[in-house]
Amino acid sequence: MTAAVVLTPVSVPVADHVLVAALDGALDYTNAERLRLDVETALGEDRGELVLDLSLLSFCDSTGIRVLLSMRKLLAERNGAVTLAGMNPRLTRIFRTTGLINAFAVAPGLPEALEMVGARTTPR
């Protein structure tokens, strides 16, 4: 599959250590590495939380999933997490079948994902 995936920062009120972005298009072996580099650049050194709105992601192959897992590993090293929002039924089925659904914080939509991150990162 030769398609593009576009990473777009989403402007919502969140703490400075949180990056909120949306993926649009198809994530596959042709563009997964570029996405990883774009996300790492957008995260910089200071951000430890990533919220990805996947509601416009039309396709994701195993290379795309590997990149999502590498993002999870990077943020876990920063004591943070990746929260996935708005996964379509096909992607949800893949994540459930492989058990990866438990590797990420998953929310039905962006508002719920932002609420999860806020609850997780609010000082106690």
C-alpha atoms as a PDB file:
ATOM      1  CA  MET A   1       0.000   0.000   0.000  1.00  0.00           C
ATOM      2  CA  THR A   2       1.485   3.347  -0.961  1.00  0.00           C
ATOM      3  CA  ALA A   3      -0.429   5.964   0.910  1.00  0.00           C
ATOM      4  CA  ALA A   4       0.405   8.805   3.192  1.00  0.00           C
ATOM      5  CA  VAL A   5      -0.286   9.308   6.825  1.00  0.00           C
ATOM      6  CA  VAL A   6      -0.461  12.844   8.123  1.00  0.00           C
ATOM      7  CA  LEU A   7       0.395  13.775  11.703  1.00  0.00           C
ATOM      8  CA  THR A   8      -1.454  16.931  12.720  1.00  0.00           C
ATOM      9  CA  PRO A   9      -1.018  18.537  16.145  1.00  0.00           C
ATOM     10  CA  VAL A  10      -4.411  19.168  17.727  1.00  0.00           C
ATOM     11  CA  SER A  11      -4.843  22.429  19.576  1.00  0.00           C
ATOM     12  CA  VAL A  12      -6.655  21.683  22.815  1.00  0.00           C
ATOM     13  CA  PRO A  13      -6.029  22.933  26.337  1.00  0.00           C
ATOM     14  CA  VAL A  14      -3.616  20.424  27.898  1.00  0.00           C
ATOM     15  CA  ALA A  15      -0.555  20.577  30.105  1.00  0.00           C
ATOM     16  CA  ASP A  16       2.754  21.401  28.434  1.00  0.00           C
ATOM     17  CA  HIS A  17       4.034  17.839  28.812  1.00  0.00           C
ATOM     18  CA  VAL A  18       1.188  16.424  26.679  1.00  0.00           C
ATOM     19  CA  LEU A  19       1.233  16.231  22.879  1.00  0.00           C
ATOM     20  CA  VAL A  20      -2.142  15.753  21.218  1.00  0.00           C
ATOM     21  CA  ALA A  21      -2.072  14.808  17.539  1.00  0.00           C
ATOM     22  CA  ALA A  22      -4.312  13.222  14.931  1.00  0.00           C
ATOM     23  CA  LEU A  23      -3.355  10.660  12.311  1.00  0.00           C
ATOM     24  CA  ASP A  24      -5.081  10.822   8.951  1.00  0.00           C
ATOM     25  CA  GLY A  25      -4.614   8.350   6.126  1.00  0.00           C
ATOM     26  CA  ALA A  26      -2.919   4.969   5.991  1.00  0.00           C
ATOM     27  CA  LEU A  27      -0.048   3.974   8.255  1.00  0.00           C
ATOM     28  CA  ASP A  28       2.097   1.287   6.676  1.00  0.00           C
ATOM     29  CA  TYR A  29       5.654   0.228   5.862  1.00  0.00           C
ATOM     30  CA  THR A  30       6.040   3.106   3.381  1.00  0.00           C
ATOM     31  CA  ASN A  31       5.606   5.844   5.975  1.00  0.00           C
ATOM     32  CA  ALA A  32       5.818   4.358   9.482  1.00  0.00           C
ATOM     33  CA  GLU A  33       9.449   5.345  10.048  1.00  0.00           C
ATOM     34  CA  ARG A  34       8.727   8.926   8.909  1.00  0.00           C
ATOM     35  CA  LEU A  35       5.830   9.055  11.371  1.00  0.00           C
ATOM     36  CA  ARG A  36       8.063   7.813  14.194  1.00  0.00           C
ATOM     37  CA  LEU A  37      10.589  10.561  13.468  1.00  0.00           C
ATOM     38  CA  ASP A  38       7.846  13.211  13.219  1.00  0.00           C
ATOM     39  CA  VAL A  39       6.349  12.160  16.564  1.00  0.00           C
ATOM     40  CA  GLU A  40       9.733  12.086  18.293  1.00  0.00           C
ATOM     41  CA  THR A  41      10.473  15.576  16.942  1.00  0.00           C
ATOM     42  CA  ALA A  42       7.071  16.884  18.058  1.00  0.00           C
ATOM     43  CA  LEU A  43       7.502  15.332  21.521  1.00  0.00           C
ATOM     44  CA  GLY A  44      10.920  16.872  22.002  1.00  0.00           C
ATOM     45  CA  GLU A  45      12.692  16.151  25.265  1.00  0.00           C
ATOM     46  CA  ASP A  46      10.040  17.556  27.607  1.00  0.00           C
ATOM     47  CA  ARG A  47       6.797  15.841  26.654  1.00  0.00           C
ATOM     48  CA  GLY A  48       5.969  12.583  28.390  1.00  0.00           C
ATOM     49  CA  GLU A  49       2.381  12.008  27.300  1.00  0.00           C
ATOM     50  CA  LEU A  50       1.033  11.422  23.805  1.00  0.00           C
ATOM     51  CA  VAL A  51      -2.611  11.356  22.788  1.00  0.00           C
ATOM     52  CA  LEU A  52      -3.214  10.091  19.254  1.00  0.00           C
ATOM     53  CA  ASP A  53      -6.611  10.607  17.662  1.00  0.00           C
ATOM     54  CA  LEU A  54      -6.919   7.682  15.237  1.00  0.00           C
ATOM     55  CA  SER A  55     -10.479   8.386  14.106  1.00  0.00           C
ATOM     56  CA  LEU A  56      -9.282   9.314  10.585  1.00  0.00           C
ATOM     57  CA  LEU A  57      -6.723   6.518  10.289  1.00  0.00           C
ATOM     58  CA  SER A  58      -8.010   4.307   7.472  1.00  0.00           C
ATOM     59  CA  PHE A  59      -5.364   1.564   7.594  1.00  0.00           C
ATOM     60  CA  CYS A  60      -2.534   0.339   9.817  1.00  0.00           C
ATOM     61  CA  ASP A  61      -0.262  -2.599   9.046  1.00  0.00           C
ATOM     62  CA  SER A  62       2.141  -4.430  11.353  1.00  0.00           C
ATOM     63  CA  THR A  63       4.883  -1.867  10.697  1.00  0.00           C
ATOM     64  CA  GLY A  64       2.542   0.885  11.859  1.00  0.00           C
ATOM     65  CA  ILE A  65       1.715  -1.077  14.985  1.00  0.00           C
ATOM     66  CA  ARG A  66       5.440  -1.554  15.630  1.00  0.00           C
ATOM     67  CA  VAL A  67       5.897   2.221  15.456  1.00  0.00           C
ATOM     68  CA  LEU A  68       3.049   2.752  17.935  1.00  0.00           C
ATOM     69  CA  LEU A  69       4.774   0.265  20.249  1.00  0.00           C
ATOM     70  CA  SER A  70       8.086   2.123  19.888  1.00  0.00           C
ATOM     71  CA  MET A  71       6.308   5.347  20.878  1.00  0.00           C
ATOM     72  CA  ARG A  72       4.880   3.514  23.895  1.00  0.00           C
ATOM     73  CA  LYS A  73       8.375   2.354  24.883  1.00  0.00           C
ATOM     74  CA  LEU A  74       9.845   5.854  24.525  1.00  0.00           C
ATOM     75  CA  LEU A  75       7.133   7.402  26.686  1.00  0.00           C
ATOM     76  CA  ALA A  76       7.297   4.611  29.264  1.00  0.00           C
ATOM     77  CA  GLU A  77      10.985   5.495  29.674  1.00  0.00           C
ATOM     78  CA  ARG A  78       9.768   9.016  30.513  1.00  0.00           C
ATOM     79  CA  ASN A  79       7.188   7.621  32.969  1.00  0.00           C
ATOM     80  CA  GLY A  80       4.450   8.587  30.538  1.00  0.00           C
ATOM     81  CA  ALA A  81       2.058   6.826  28.202  1.00  0.00           C
ATOM     82  CA  VAL A  82       0.426   6.781  24.793  1.00  0.00           C
ATOM     83  CA  THR A  83      -3.337   7.142  24.762  1.00  0.00           C
ATOM     84  CA  LEU A  84      -5.131   6.048  21.592  1.00  0.00           C
ATOM     85  CA  ALA A  85      -8.481   7.614  20.800  1.00  0.00           C
ATOM     86  CA  GLY A  86     -11.177   6.880  18.239  1.00  0.00           C
ATOM     87  CA  MET A  87      -9.892   3.588  16.828  1.00  0.00           C
ATOM     88  CA  ASN A  88     -12.089   2.226  14.039  1.00  0.00           C
ATOM     89  CA  PRO A  89     -13.634  -1.250  14.475  1.00  0.00           C
ATOM     90  CA  ARG A  90     -11.019  -2.964  12.262  1.00  0.00           C
ATOM     91  CA  LEU A  91      -8.086  -1.531  14.218  1.00  0.00           C
ATOM     92  CA  THR A  92      -9.816  -2.275  17.518  1.00  0.00           C
ATOM     93  CA  ARG A  93     -10.297  -5.896  16.430  1.00  0.00           C
ATOM     94  CA  ILE A  94      -6.593  -6.202  15.537  1.00  0.00           C
ATOM     95  CA  PHE A  95      -5.558  -4.731  18.883  1.00  0.00           C
ATOM     96  CA  ARG A  96      -7.933  -7.017  20.789  1.00  0.00           C
ATOM     97  CA  THR A  97      -6.901 -10.150  18.883  1.00  0.00           C
ATOM     98  CA  THR A  98      -3.199  -9.503  19.435  1.00  0.00           C
ATOM     99  CA  GLY A  99      -3.620  -8.427  23.056  1.00  0.00           C
ATOM    100  CA  LEU A 100      -2.165  -4.996  22.285  1.00  0.00           C
ATOM    101  CA  ILE A 101      -5.351  -3.347  23.509  1.00  0.00           C
ATOM    102  CA  ASN A 102      -3.892  -3.793  27.013  1.00  0.00           C
ATOM    103  CA  ALA A 103      -0.564  -2.192  26.078  1.00  0.00           C
ATOM    104  CA  PHE A 104      -2.104   1.245  25.558  1.00  0.00           C
ATOM    105  CA  ALA A 105      -4.604   3.480  27.255  1.00  0.00           C
ATOM    106  CA  VAL A 106      -7.568   3.408  24.836  1.00  0.00           C
ATOM    107  CA  ALA A 107     -10.495   5.796  24.715  1.00  0.00           C
ATOM    108  CA  PRO A 108     -13.543   5.868  22.427  1.00  0.00           C
ATOM    109  CA  GLY A 109     -12.899   9.481  21.436  1.00  0.00           C
ATOM    110  CA  LEU A 110     -10.622  12.459  21.950  1.00  0.00           C
ATOM    111  CA  PRO A 111     -12.598  14.028  24.832  1.00  0.00           C
ATOM    112  CA  GLU A 112     -12.417  10.786  26.816  1.00  0.00           C
ATOM    113  CA  ALA A 113      -8.710  10.409  26.036  1.00  0.00           C
ATOM    114  CA  LEU A 114      -7.988  13.914  27.290  1.00  0.00           C
ATOM    115  CA  GLU A 115      -9.951  13.153  30.449  1.00  0.00           C
ATOM    116  CA  MET A 116      -7.903   9.970  30.983  1.00  0.00           C
ATOM    117  CA  VAL A 117      -4.617  11.835  30.558  1.00  0.00           C
ATOM    118  CA  GLY A 118      -5.768  14.607  32.869  1.00  0.00           C
ATOM    119  CA  ALA A 119      -6.717  12.122  35.564  1.00  0.00           C
ATOM    120  CA  ARG A 120      -3.451  10.225  35.139  1.00  0.00           C
ATOM    121  CA  THR A 121      -1.195  13.285  35.271  1.00  0.00           C
ATOM    122  CA  THR A 122      -2.974  15.463  37.816  1.00  0.00           C
ATOM    123  CA  PRO A 123      -0.764  15.968  40.885  1.00  0.00           C
ATOM    124  CA  ARG A 124      -2.233  14.299  43.952  1.00  0.00           C
END
